[in-house]
Amino acid sequence: MIDLERVVVYRLPESRPGGGTRILQNCLARVSGVGPSRPRFHRFEASGCFRFGVAAPERRVVTAPITTAEEAERGARAVFETTNELVREARAAQRLDADQLPDPFPTRFLVHDESFPLGQTRARQEPDAWLSRWRPRLSLAPPRPGVETPRGIGIGGGIDVELTRDGRLRAVRSDFRYWNDVSIVRVKQLPPPHHGAAAGGHHHHSGESASGEPELVYVFEAPHEPQSVVAAYWRIVSDGHGHAPLLLPACDFAVVPGIAVISQGEGPPSLAASIIGDDAMPIQVVNGKAWRLGWMVAALDAFGRDEDAVRSRRNRVALPGAGIYHVELAVTHVPTEVTRRTWRQVIVPAARQRERREPLIV
């Protein structure tokens, strides 16, 4: 057993990798075997994540025909290695550094999750393509001589590779984020009743969960969301009664926000911010030295129209009356400057309707 008193936090650069966007697009196009046609490519400014797709690859470049999941895994590895090598050559030629144009597929931080056929039916036994999925697996602790470094699986941050059955690269989706620094911080011990289930509190083997045992994982935000650190969380696995896994903060850089709906008698409810505390229970938070809040509230039929959304940095928001509302909340932990976002839909029954038509900030 490895006693994890401290855990690694991965710090992301303020300026996202984007200087080599055209180089990356050209390298992926070359690996996919595209001729004069233009492939689809999109890179998210907030994260450096990207999407790449080809309607009809013209020739096979790096993989052989695929008939099994093992061959799909090997094909994805070939795509990773070949693309990375092309990017390194272009990086050297353009005199760019790794922060400006990192390897698009960080193979030493990836672990194969699964590969499976696409488009296979009873009438057609031969699949159209294969999808190979990969997840990040990051070091939980600094390396020590003669000791196996424990690792934690990443939630989000995965990479999907789609290959045609004859071995052509058809699409890539990467939600991986790149860091340029790390910090070593104290691990928060699990509170009861989760503490006993963890086989000794924060003692942990490799980040892989045994049956019913909490595990340390890293959380990657959605590619369109800004993120300053990739921090560790405790994941409490399902208890066998259909409950979803629960995330608890494993360090000061881990924030689990929530939106509390507070009833106000016959009137419409108000909204308050909460976070999961060290005792694994939600506690309400307000603006101050420890927290900053940012709200966005819009009627569901007006969601997406900025002019109809109400934004506020106050402690609470009162909804105007009956309806269905989309609510977004950004919670910033001031000491660490870590911001996490959450959202929910709130239904206010017609019986609680009031005359006012605009959200009231209290």
Protein backbone atom coordinates (compact mmCIF):
# COMPACT_ATOMS: atom_id res chain seq x y z
CA MET A 1 0.00 0.00 0.00
CA ILE A 2 1.21 3.52 -0.78
CA ASP A 3 0.38 6.21 1.77
CA LEU A 4 -0.66 9.24 -0.26
CA GLU A 5 -0.25 12.12 2.14
CA ARG A 6 0.17 14.47 -0.82
CA VAL A 7 -1.09 14.46 -4.39
CA VAL A 8 -0.06 16.06 -7.70
CA VAL A 9 -2.09 18.98 -9.10
CA TYR A 10 -1.51 19.74 -12.80
CA ARG A 11 -1.40 23.46 -13.65
CA LEU A 12 -2.62 24.48 -17.09
CA PRO A 13 -1.19 27.44 -19.04
CA GLU A 14 -3.17 30.67 -19.15
CA SER A 15 -2.69 30.87 -22.92
CA ARG A 16 -3.98 27.69 -24.53
CA PRO A 17 -1.93 25.83 -27.17
CA GLY A 18 -3.02 27.30 -30.48
CA GLY A 19 0.00 28.66 -32.30
CA GLY A 20 0.35 25.51 -34.36
CA THR A 21 -3.31 24.96 -35.27
CA ARG A 22 -2.71 24.89 -39.03
CA ILE A 23 0.31 22.61 -38.59
CA LEU A 24 -1.73 20.15 -36.53
CA GLN A 25 -4.55 20.21 -39.08
CA ASN A 26 -2.12 19.53 -41.93
CA CYS A 27 -0.42 16.68 -40.05
CA LEU A 28 -3.75 14.98 -39.28
CA ALA A 29 -4.82 15.42 -42.91
CA ARG A 30 -1.61 13.77 -44.05
CA VAL A 31 -2.07 10.82 -41.68
CA SER A 32 -5.71 10.41 -42.75
CA GLY A 33 -4.76 10.05 -46.40
CA VAL A 34 -6.71 13.08 -47.60
CA GLY A 35 -6.04 14.37 -51.07
CA PRO A 36 -7.21 17.76 -52.35
CA SER A 37 -10.45 17.65 -50.31
CA ARG A 38 -10.60 19.77 -47.14
CA PRO A 39 -11.16 17.86 -43.89
CA ARG A 40 -13.25 19.20 -41.03
CA PHE A 41 -11.19 20.64 -38.17
CA HIS A 42 -12.08 22.63 -35.07
CA ARG A 43 -9.94 23.66 -32.13
CA PHE A 44 -11.41 24.99 -28.88
CA GLU A 45 -9.75 28.25 -27.83
CA ALA A 46 -10.55 27.70 -24.15
CA SER A 47 -8.77 24.36 -23.90
CA GLY A 48 -6.72 23.40 -26.95
CA CYS A 49 -8.97 20.34 -27.47
CA PHE A 50 -9.80 19.58 -31.07
CA ARG A 51 -12.08 17.71 -33.49
CA PHE A 52 -10.93 16.30 -36.84
CA GLY A 53 -12.99 14.46 -39.41
CA VAL A 54 -12.80 13.30 -43.03
CA ALA A 55 -15.91 12.46 -45.04
CA ALA A 56 -14.10 9.96 -47.30
CA PRO A 57 -10.38 9.23 -46.76
CA GLU A 58 -8.76 8.53 -50.12
CA ARG A 59 -6.02 6.14 -49.08
CA ARG A 60 -4.72 4.16 -46.17
CA VAL A 61 -1.60 5.67 -44.62
CA VAL A 62 -0.65 4.15 -41.25
CA THR A 63 -2.94 1.20 -40.47
CA ALA A 64 -3.75 -2.20 -41.93
CA PRO A 65 -7.29 -3.56 -42.47
CA ILE A 66 -9.12 -3.96 -39.14
CA THR A 67 -11.17 -7.00 -38.18
CA THR A 68 -10.73 -7.15 -34.37
CA ALA A 69 -10.66 -4.83 -31.37
CA GLU A 70 -6.95 -5.57 -30.91
CA GLU A 71 -6.23 -4.43 -34.47
CA ALA A 72 -8.26 -1.26 -33.87
CA GLU A 73 -6.16 -0.54 -30.77
CA ARG A 74 -2.95 -1.05 -32.74
CA GLY A 75 -4.29 1.16 -35.51
CA ALA A 76 -4.99 3.98 -33.06
CA ARG A 77 -1.48 3.64 -31.63
CA ALA A 78 -0.09 3.94 -35.15
CA VAL A 79 -2.12 7.13 -35.68
CA PHE A 80 -0.75 8.54 -32.41
CA GLU A 81 2.89 7.73 -33.17
CA THR A 82 2.83 8.88 -36.79
CA THR A 83 1.01 12.16 -36.07
CA ASN A 84 3.28 12.96 -33.14
CA GLU A 85 6.37 12.39 -35.30
CA LEU A 86 5.02 14.67 -38.04
CA VAL A 87 4.23 17.38 -35.46
CA ARG A 88 7.73 17.12 -33.97
CA GLU A 89 9.29 17.54 -37.41
CA ALA A 90 7.10 20.58 -38.10
CA ARG A 91 7.84 22.00 -34.65
CA ALA A 92 11.56 21.79 -35.27
CA ALA A 93 11.25 23.30 -38.75
CA GLN A 94 9.14 26.21 -37.48
CA ARG A 95 11.28 26.66 -34.34
CA LEU A 96 8.30 26.30 -32.03
CA ASP A 97 8.47 24.99 -28.49
CA ALA A 98 6.31 22.29 -26.92
CA ASP A 99 4.07 24.87 -25.20
CA GLN A 100 3.19 26.40 -28.56
CA LEU A 101 2.66 23.07 -30.29
CA PRO A 102 2.58 20.05 -27.96
CA ASP A 103 2.38 16.46 -29.14
CA PRO A 104 -1.32 16.04 -29.97
CA PHE A 105 -1.37 12.50 -28.55
CA PRO A 106 0.53 12.29 -25.21
CA THR A 107 0.89 8.49 -25.30
CA ARG A 108 2.67 8.14 -21.96
CA PHE A 109 -0.37 9.66 -20.24
CA LEU A 110 -2.96 7.60 -22.13
CA VAL A 111 -4.36 4.13 -21.44
CA HIS A 112 -6.53 2.14 -23.83
CA ASP A 113 -10.11 1.94 -22.61
CA GLU A 114 -12.00 -0.02 -25.30
CA SER A 115 -12.30 -0.55 -29.05
CA PHE A 116 -15.50 -1.68 -30.73
CA PRO A 117 -17.10 -1.90 -34.21
CA LEU A 118 -19.49 0.69 -35.64
CA GLY A 119 -22.39 0.09 -38.03
CA GLN A 120 -22.59 -3.64 -37.40
CA THR A 121 -26.12 -5.10 -37.67
CA ARG A 122 -27.74 -8.52 -37.98
CA ALA A 123 -28.14 -7.97 -41.70
CA ARG A 124 -24.58 -6.73 -42.14
CA GLN A 125 -21.93 -8.56 -40.15
CA GLU A 126 -19.06 -6.44 -41.45
CA PRO A 127 -18.78 -3.15 -39.52
CA ASP A 128 -18.42 0.19 -41.29
CA ALA A 129 -15.67 1.36 -38.95
CA TRP A 130 -14.01 0.89 -35.56
CA LEU A 131 -13.87 3.29 -32.63
CA SER A 132 -10.90 3.16 -30.25
CA ARG A 133 -11.24 5.02 -26.94
CA TRP A 134 -8.37 6.18 -24.72
CA ARG A 135 -8.37 7.79 -21.28
CA PRO A 136 -5.76 9.88 -19.48
CA ARG A 137 -3.89 8.19 -16.63
CA LEU A 138 -1.89 10.69 -14.59
CA SER A 139 0.64 10.27 -11.80
CA LEU A 140 -0.92 10.85 -8.39
CA ALA A 141 2.42 11.31 -6.62
CA PRO A 142 5.96 12.38 -7.53
CA PRO A 143 8.16 9.48 -8.67
CA ARG A 144 10.35 7.79 -6.06
CA PRO A 145 13.28 5.45 -6.79
CA GLY A 146 12.29 1.80 -6.57
CA VAL A 147 8.60 2.54 -5.93
CA GLU A 148 5.79 2.16 -8.46
CA THR A 149 4.16 5.55 -9.04
CA PRO A 150 0.41 5.43 -8.33
CA ARG A 151 -1.78 6.75 -11.13
CA GLY A 152 -5.30 8.12 -11.38
CA ILE A 153 -7.70 7.76 -14.31
CA GLY A 154 -9.01 11.00 -15.81
CA ILE A 155 -12.72 11.73 -16.01
CA GLY A 156 -13.13 13.56 -19.28
CA GLY A 157 -9.97 14.37 -21.18
CA GLY A 158 -10.26 11.26 -23.35
CA ILE A 159 -9.28 10.72 -26.99
CA ASP A 160 -11.42 8.82 -29.52
CA VAL A 161 -10.05 7.56 -32.84
CA GLU A 162 -12.36 6.34 -35.59
CA LEU A 163 -10.90 4.10 -38.30
CA THR A 164 -12.55 2.60 -41.35
CA ARG A 165 -12.48 -1.18 -41.59
CA ASP A 166 -9.79 -1.00 -44.28
CA GLY A 167 -7.55 1.05 -41.95
CA ARG A 168 -8.16 4.66 -42.95
CA LEU A 169 -8.31 7.41 -40.34
CA ARG A 170 -11.79 8.92 -40.41
CA ALA A 171 -12.10 11.03 -37.26
CA VAL A 172 -10.39 12.09 -34.03
CA ARG A 173 -11.92 13.71 -30.97
CA SER A 174 -9.45 14.92 -28.35
CA ASP A 175 -10.55 16.38 -25.01
CA PHE A 176 -7.05 16.17 -23.53
CA ARG A 177 -5.55 19.29 -21.91
CA TYR A 178 -1.86 20.11 -21.61
CA TRP A 179 -0.13 21.35 -18.46
CA ASN A 180 3.10 23.30 -18.05
CA ASP A 181 3.64 22.95 -14.29
CA VAL A 182 2.64 20.85 -11.27
CA SER A 183 2.12 21.41 -7.54
CA ILE A 184 2.25 18.88 -4.71
CA VAL A 185 -0.56 19.46 -2.20
CA ARG A 186 -2.04 17.77 0.85
CA VAL A 187 -4.63 15.01 0.35
CA LYS A 188 -7.97 15.47 2.07
CA GLN A 189 -8.86 12.35 3.99
CA LEU A 190 -12.21 10.73 3.30
CA PRO A 191 -14.81 11.34 6.03
CA PRO A 192 -16.97 8.56 7.53
CA PRO A 193 -18.67 6.43 6.28
CA HIS A 194 -16.47 6.57 3.17
CA HIS A 195 -13.26 6.57 5.23
CA GLY A 196 -13.56 2.93 6.26
CA ALA A 197 -14.39 1.80 2.75
CA ALA A 198 -11.15 3.24 1.45
CA ALA A 199 -9.08 0.52 3.07
CA GLY A 200 -7.26 2.90 5.36
CA GLY A 201 -8.40 6.40 4.45
CA HIS A 202 -6.15 7.82 1.77
CA HIS A 203 -4.01 4.71 1.32
CA HIS A 204 -4.25 3.79 -2.31
CA HIS A 205 -2.63 1.50 -4.86
CA SER A 206 -2.78 2.81 -8.41
CA GLY A 207 -5.92 4.87 -8.96
CA GLU A 208 -7.76 1.83 -10.25
CA SER A 209 -10.72 1.02 -8.04
CA ALA A 210 -11.24 -2.33 -6.45
CA SER A 211 -14.87 -3.40 -6.04
CA GLY A 212 -16.57 -0.93 -3.71
CA GLU A 213 -13.32 0.94 -2.94
CA PRO A 214 -13.04 4.72 -3.42
CA GLU A 215 -10.45 5.81 -5.95
CA LEU A 216 -8.54 8.99 -6.71
CA VAL A 217 -9.34 10.42 -10.15
CA TYR A 218 -8.58 13.58 -12.11
CA VAL A 219 -11.38 15.71 -13.56
CA PHE A 220 -11.09 17.41 -16.97
CA GLU A 221 -13.69 20.06 -17.82
CA ALA A 222 -15.64 20.12 -21.10
CA PRO A 223 -13.50 21.41 -24.00
CA HIS A 224 -15.40 24.72 -24.27
CA GLU A 225 -14.84 25.49 -20.56
CA PRO A 226 -11.74 27.31 -19.28
CA GLN A 227 -9.76 25.37 -16.68
CA SER A 228 -6.72 26.42 -14.63
CA VAL A 229 -5.79 23.12 -12.93
CA VAL A 230 -6.52 19.41 -13.25
CA ALA A 231 -7.07 18.39 -9.63
CA ALA A 232 -7.70 15.10 -7.82
CA TYR A 233 -11.09 13.98 -6.49
CA TRP A 234 -12.25 10.96 -4.56
CA ARG A 235 -14.71 8.93 -6.63
CA ILE A 236 -17.05 6.81 -4.55
CA VAL A 237 -18.21 3.97 -6.77
CA SER A 238 -21.82 2.82 -7.01
CA ASP A 239 -23.15 1.06 -3.94
CA GLY A 240 -25.03 -1.49 -6.03
CA HIS A 241 -28.39 0.29 -5.67
CA GLY A 242 -28.21 2.19 -8.95
CA HIS A 243 -26.67 5.35 -7.51
CA ALA A 244 -24.24 7.25 -9.69
CA PRO A 245 -20.60 7.57 -8.56
CA LEU A 246 -20.03 10.45 -6.16
CA LEU A 247 -17.15 12.95 -6.43
CA LEU A 248 -15.64 14.37 -3.25
CA PRO A 249 -12.79 16.91 -3.05
CA ALA A 250 -9.41 15.25 -2.48
CA CYS A 251 -7.43 18.50 -2.13
CA ASP A 252 -7.91 22.24 -1.80
CA PHE A 253 -7.86 22.62 -5.60
CA ALA A 254 -10.87 20.32 -6.01
CA VAL A 255 -14.24 22.11 -5.98
CA VAL A 256 -17.63 20.40 -6.26
CA PRO A 257 -20.29 23.12 -6.75
CA GLY A 258 -24.04 22.80 -6.56
CA ILE A 259 -27.19 24.90 -6.95
CA ALA A 260 -29.58 24.82 -4.00
CA VAL A 261 -33.26 25.66 -4.57
CA ILE A 262 -34.68 27.36 -1.47
CA SER A 263 -38.44 27.42 -1.03
CA GLN A 264 -40.05 30.72 -0.01
CA GLY A 265 -43.59 29.71 0.97
CA GLU A 266 -46.12 30.49 -1.74
CA GLY A 267 -43.71 32.60 -3.76
CA PRO A 268 -41.17 31.40 -6.31
CA PRO A 269 -37.98 29.86 -4.91
CA SER A 270 -34.58 31.49 -4.69
CA LEU A 271 -31.26 29.97 -5.70
CA ALA A 272 -28.17 29.67 -3.53
CA ALA A 273 -24.68 28.32 -4.21
CA SER A 274 -23.26 25.32 -2.38
CA ILE A 275 -20.09 23.25 -2.41
CA ILE A 276 -19.24 19.82 -1.04
CA GLY A 277 -17.32 20.36 2.19
CA ASP A 278 -14.62 18.28 3.84
CA ASP A 279 -17.30 16.24 5.61
CA ALA A 280 -18.82 15.25 2.22
CA MET A 281 -21.93 17.32 2.97
CA PRO A 282 -23.13 20.33 0.91
CA ILE A 283 -22.66 23.73 2.54
CA GLN A 284 -23.93 27.07 1.25
CA VAL A 285 -21.30 29.63 0.25
CA VAL A 286 -21.46 33.38 -0.36
CA ASN A 287 -19.18 36.01 -1.86
CA GLY A 288 -16.28 36.87 0.40
CA LYS A 289 -12.65 36.11 1.08
CA ALA A 290 -13.08 32.42 0.29
CA TRP A 291 -15.55 32.32 -2.64
CA ARG A 292 -16.76 34.29 -5.66
CA LEU A 293 -20.06 33.50 -7.39
CA GLY A 294 -21.33 34.11 -10.90
CA TRP A 295 -24.93 33.36 -11.97
CA MET A 296 -26.71 33.11 -15.31
CA VAL A 297 -30.49 32.57 -15.32
CA ALA A 298 -32.70 32.31 -18.42
CA ALA A 299 -36.16 30.99 -19.16
CA LEU A 300 -35.75 27.70 -21.01
CA ASP A 301 -37.47 29.01 -24.15
CA ALA A 302 -35.01 31.94 -24.19
CA PHE A 303 -31.87 29.93 -23.45
CA GLY A 304 -29.09 30.87 -25.86
CA ARG A 305 -30.22 34.47 -26.28
CA ASP A 306 -27.83 36.59 -24.22
CA GLU A 307 -30.15 39.59 -24.21
CA ASP A 308 -32.79 37.54 -22.35
CA ALA A 309 -30.39 36.09 -19.77
CA VAL A 310 -29.92 37.62 -16.33
CA ARG A 311 -26.38 37.61 -14.96
CA SER A 312 -25.44 38.38 -11.39
CA ARG A 313 -22.62 38.06 -8.88
CA ARG A 314 -24.87 38.36 -5.84
CA ASN A 315 -25.28 35.66 -3.21
CA ARG A 316 -28.80 34.64 -4.20
CA VAL A 317 -31.15 34.92 -7.18
CA ALA A 318 -34.94 34.83 -6.85
CA LEU A 319 -36.82 33.46 -9.84
CA PRO A 320 -39.58 35.71 -11.27
CA GLY A 321 -42.48 33.27 -11.40
CA ALA A 322 -43.86 30.13 -13.01
CA GLY A 323 -41.78 28.52 -15.74
CA ILE A 324 -38.81 26.32 -16.54
CA TYR A 325 -35.43 27.97 -16.03
CA HIS A 326 -31.91 27.10 -17.10
CA VAL A 327 -29.48 28.12 -14.35
CA GLU A 328 -25.69 28.20 -14.57
CA LEU A 329 -23.34 28.84 -11.66
CA ALA A 330 -19.59 29.52 -11.59
CA VAL A 331 -17.91 29.12 -8.19
CA THR A 332 -14.35 30.39 -7.69
CA HIS A 333 -12.26 29.33 -4.72
CA VAL A 334 -10.39 32.58 -4.07
CA PRO A 335 -7.24 31.20 -2.35
CA THR A 336 -6.46 28.84 -5.25
CA GLU A 337 -8.24 30.78 -8.05
CA VAL A 338 -9.90 27.52 -9.16
CA THR A 339 -13.26 28.00 -10.89
CA ARG A 340 -15.76 25.21 -11.54
CA ARG A 341 -19.15 25.48 -13.19
CA THR A 342 -22.39 23.62 -12.88
CA TRP A 343 -25.95 23.96 -14.16
CA ARG A 344 -29.44 22.68 -13.56
CA GLN A 345 -33.01 23.24 -14.70
CA VAL A 346 -35.52 24.52 -12.18
CA ILE A 347 -39.29 24.17 -12.57
CA VAL A 348 -41.49 26.70 -10.77
CA PRO A 349 -45.15 25.54 -10.68
CA ALA A 350 -47.86 27.96 -11.80
CA ALA A 351 -49.29 28.13 -8.28
CA ARG A 352 -46.20 30.05 -7.20
CA GLN A 353 -46.38 32.71 -9.92
CA ARG A 354 -45.96 36.36 -8.98
CA GLU A 355 -46.55 39.58 -10.87
CA ARG A 356 -42.93 40.64 -11.40
CA ARG A 357 -41.35 39.60 -14.65
CA GLU A 358 -37.63 40.11 -14.02
CA PRO A 359 -35.44 38.07 -11.65
CA LEU A 360 -34.96 39.87 -8.36
CA ILE A 361 -31.50 39.87 -6.81
CA VAL A 362 -31.59 39.69 -3.02
